Amino acid sequence: MELNSLRPAPGAKRPRKRIGRGPGSGTGKTAGRGHKGQKSRSGFSHRFGFEGGQMPLVRRIPKRGFTNIFRVERQIVHLGDLEDAFDDGANVTLQALADKGLIRAGRGPVKVLADGELKKKLTVQAHGFSQSARATIEACGGSCEVVAS
């Protein structure tokens, strides 16, 4: 095989459809746009959500509540996950959590919650701890370190 003999697979490249080139082409006369109407005219475009003058769906449905733009989306880590992922006496940093796949790095603050059992002594670094998670970690002889956001 030589570079000059390379060819695309048969049927992989098709010729460009040339519209409006007479009746023999199959796309002559109306050029594939149907007959009359707004969409058949040159320069036609409509904005997103336009429904031809009918009241658009986004304006028909009722609006309730609001979205708090200052909401902080926290990543949750459970004590049961720490029990499974780390050995006794381990130093649990944010990077270690990301390496184990428990959080995604750079995706917001991490909070440790007390779901599951913990029987290992761990030094855990996170942005926040629930009171019961802190109590459980310290009862096992570990420590909780709050890191700045």
Protein backbone atom coordinates (compact mmCIF):
# COMPACT_ATOMS: atom_id res chain seq x y z
CA MET A 1 0.00 0.00 0.00
CA GLU A 2 1.30 3.45 -0.97
CA LEU A 3 0.11 6.92 0.02
CA ASN A 4 -0.87 7.68 -3.57
CA SER A 5 -3.15 4.62 -3.65
CA LEU A 6 -5.20 5.47 -0.55
CA ARG A 7 -8.90 5.93 -1.32
CA PRO A 8 -11.91 6.43 0.93
CA ALA A 9 -14.25 3.47 1.33
CA PRO A 10 -16.83 3.13 -1.46
CA GLY A 11 -19.87 5.25 -0.61
CA ALA A 12 -18.06 7.19 2.12
CA LYS A 13 -17.85 10.40 0.10
CA ARG A 14 -20.94 11.59 -1.74
CA PRO A 15 -21.14 14.55 -4.10
CA ARG A 16 -22.63 17.80 -2.79
CA LYS A 17 -26.39 18.16 -3.39
CA ARG A 18 -26.75 20.98 -5.96
CA ILE A 19 -30.25 22.37 -5.44
CA GLY A 20 -32.19 24.55 -7.84
CA ARG A 21 -30.48 23.23 -11.00
CA GLY A 22 -33.46 22.28 -13.14
CA PRO A 23 -36.08 19.53 -13.24
CA GLY A 24 -33.65 16.73 -14.07
CA SER A 25 -31.71 17.15 -10.83
CA GLY A 26 -34.59 16.11 -8.58
CA THR A 27 -34.21 19.28 -6.51
CA GLY A 28 -35.10 21.89 -9.10
CA LYS A 29 -37.94 24.45 -9.04
CA THR A 30 -38.66 24.78 -5.29
CA ALA A 31 -35.18 23.49 -4.36
CA GLY A 32 -36.38 21.13 -1.63
CA ARG A 33 -38.22 23.88 0.29
CA GLY A 34 -41.76 22.79 -0.48
CA HIS A 35 -44.33 25.32 -1.80
CA LYS A 36 -44.79 28.89 -0.55
CA GLY A 37 -44.82 29.81 3.12
CA GLN A 38 -42.38 31.59 5.37
CA LYS A 39 -39.83 28.79 5.38
CA SER A 40 -39.55 28.75 1.60
CA ARG A 41 -38.35 32.38 1.40
CA SER A 42 -34.72 33.40 1.24
CA GLY A 43 -33.40 34.94 4.42
CA PHE A 44 -35.86 33.08 6.63
CA SER A 45 -34.87 32.59 10.26
CA HIS A 46 -36.81 32.51 13.50
CA ARG A 47 -35.73 32.92 17.09
CA PHE A 48 -35.50 30.01 19.51
CA GLY A 49 -38.90 28.97 20.85
CA PHE A 50 -40.88 30.80 18.14
CA GLU A 51 -44.16 29.01 17.41
CA GLY A 52 -45.46 30.97 14.46
CA GLY A 53 -47.20 33.66 16.49
CA GLN A 54 -48.93 31.21 18.84
CA MET A 55 -48.19 31.97 22.51
CA PRO A 56 -44.92 30.05 23.08
CA LEU A 57 -44.74 27.19 25.55
CA VAL A 58 -42.28 29.02 27.78
CA ARG A 59 -44.82 31.84 28.23
CA ARG A 60 -47.86 29.54 28.58
CA ILE A 61 -46.67 27.54 31.56
CA PRO A 62 -46.90 29.02 35.08
CA LYS A 63 -43.78 30.27 36.84
CA ARG A 64 -43.19 29.48 40.53
CA GLY A 65 -40.36 29.91 42.97
CA PHE A 66 -36.91 31.22 42.27
CA THR A 67 -33.34 30.01 41.81
CA ASN A 68 -30.82 31.11 44.40
CA ILE A 69 -27.82 32.22 42.35
CA PHE A 70 -25.59 32.18 45.45
CA ARG A 71 -26.23 28.50 46.26
CA VAL A 72 -23.10 26.50 46.98
CA GLU A 73 -23.20 22.96 45.59
CA ARG A 74 -21.25 20.74 48.00
CA GLN A 75 -19.70 17.37 47.22
CA ILE A 76 -20.76 14.77 49.75
CA VAL A 77 -18.51 12.05 51.21
CA HIS A 78 -19.95 9.48 53.63
CA LEU A 79 -18.05 7.83 56.47
CA GLY A 80 -18.85 4.43 54.97
CA ASP A 81 -17.00 5.48 51.80
CA LEU A 82 -13.94 6.48 53.87
CA GLU A 83 -14.06 3.12 55.67
CA ASP A 84 -14.00 1.24 52.35
CA ALA A 85 -11.44 3.40 50.54
CA PHE A 86 -8.73 4.10 53.14
CA ASP A 87 -6.51 2.05 55.45
CA ASP A 88 -6.22 2.54 59.20
CA GLY A 89 -4.11 5.62 60.09
CA ALA A 90 -4.39 7.15 56.59
CA ASN A 91 -4.27 10.89 55.94
CA VAL A 92 -7.41 11.68 53.92
CA THR A 93 -6.75 14.80 51.83
CA LEU A 94 -8.87 16.31 49.07
CA GLN A 95 -6.38 14.99 46.51
CA ALA A 96 -6.59 11.49 48.03
CA LEU A 97 -10.40 11.62 47.83
CA ALA A 98 -10.18 12.66 44.16
CA ASP A 99 -7.65 9.89 43.41
CA LYS A 100 -10.00 7.29 44.92
CA GLY A 101 -12.92 8.67 42.86
CA LEU A 102 -14.98 9.80 45.85
CA ILE A 103 -15.06 13.44 44.68
CA ARG A 104 -14.25 15.36 41.54
CA ALA A 105 -11.35 17.78 41.92
CA GLY A 106 -12.23 21.46 41.62
CA ARG A 107 -16.00 20.89 41.67
CA GLY A 108 -16.88 22.74 44.86
CA PRO A 109 -16.39 22.27 48.59
CA VAL A 110 -16.41 18.82 50.20
CA LYS A 111 -18.56 17.95 53.21
CA VAL A 112 -18.25 14.74 55.23
CA LEU A 113 -21.51 13.22 56.47
CA ALA A 114 -22.01 10.44 59.03
CA ASP A 115 -23.70 7.88 56.79
CA GLY A 116 -22.23 4.41 57.31
CA GLU A 117 -19.84 3.09 59.93
CA LEU A 118 -16.25 4.11 60.57
CA LYS A 119 -13.92 1.96 62.69
CA LYS A 120 -10.55 3.24 61.43
CA LYS A 121 -8.39 6.04 62.79
CA LEU A 122 -8.26 8.64 60.00
CA THR A 123 -7.05 12.21 59.68
CA VAL A 124 -9.67 13.77 57.40
CA GLN A 125 -9.34 17.12 55.60
CA ALA A 126 -12.50 18.66 54.16
CA HIS A 127 -14.31 21.97 53.87
CA GLY A 128 -17.01 20.87 56.31
CA PHE A 129 -18.17 18.11 58.64
CA SER A 130 -21.55 17.29 60.09
CA GLN A 131 -21.57 17.22 63.90
CA SER A 132 -22.20 13.47 64.00
CA ALA A 133 -19.45 12.79 61.41
CA ARG A 134 -16.96 14.83 63.44
CA ALA A 135 -17.98 12.98 66.62
CA THR A 136 -17.61 9.57 64.95
CA ILE A 137 -14.17 10.35 63.48
CA GLU A 138 -12.87 11.68 66.80
CA ALA A 139 -14.38 8.71 68.71
CA CYS A 140 -12.26 6.39 66.54
CA GLY A 141 -9.13 8.35 67.50
CA GLY A 142 -8.93 10.31 64.25
CA SER A 143 -9.04 14.04 63.68
CA CYS A 144 -10.97 16.49 61.50
CA GLU A 145 -9.21 19.36 59.75
CA VAL A 146 -11.26 22.10 58.11
CA VAL A 147 -9.54 23.49 55.00
CA ALA A 148 -10.29 26.92 53.56
CA SER A 149 -12.34 27.05 50.36
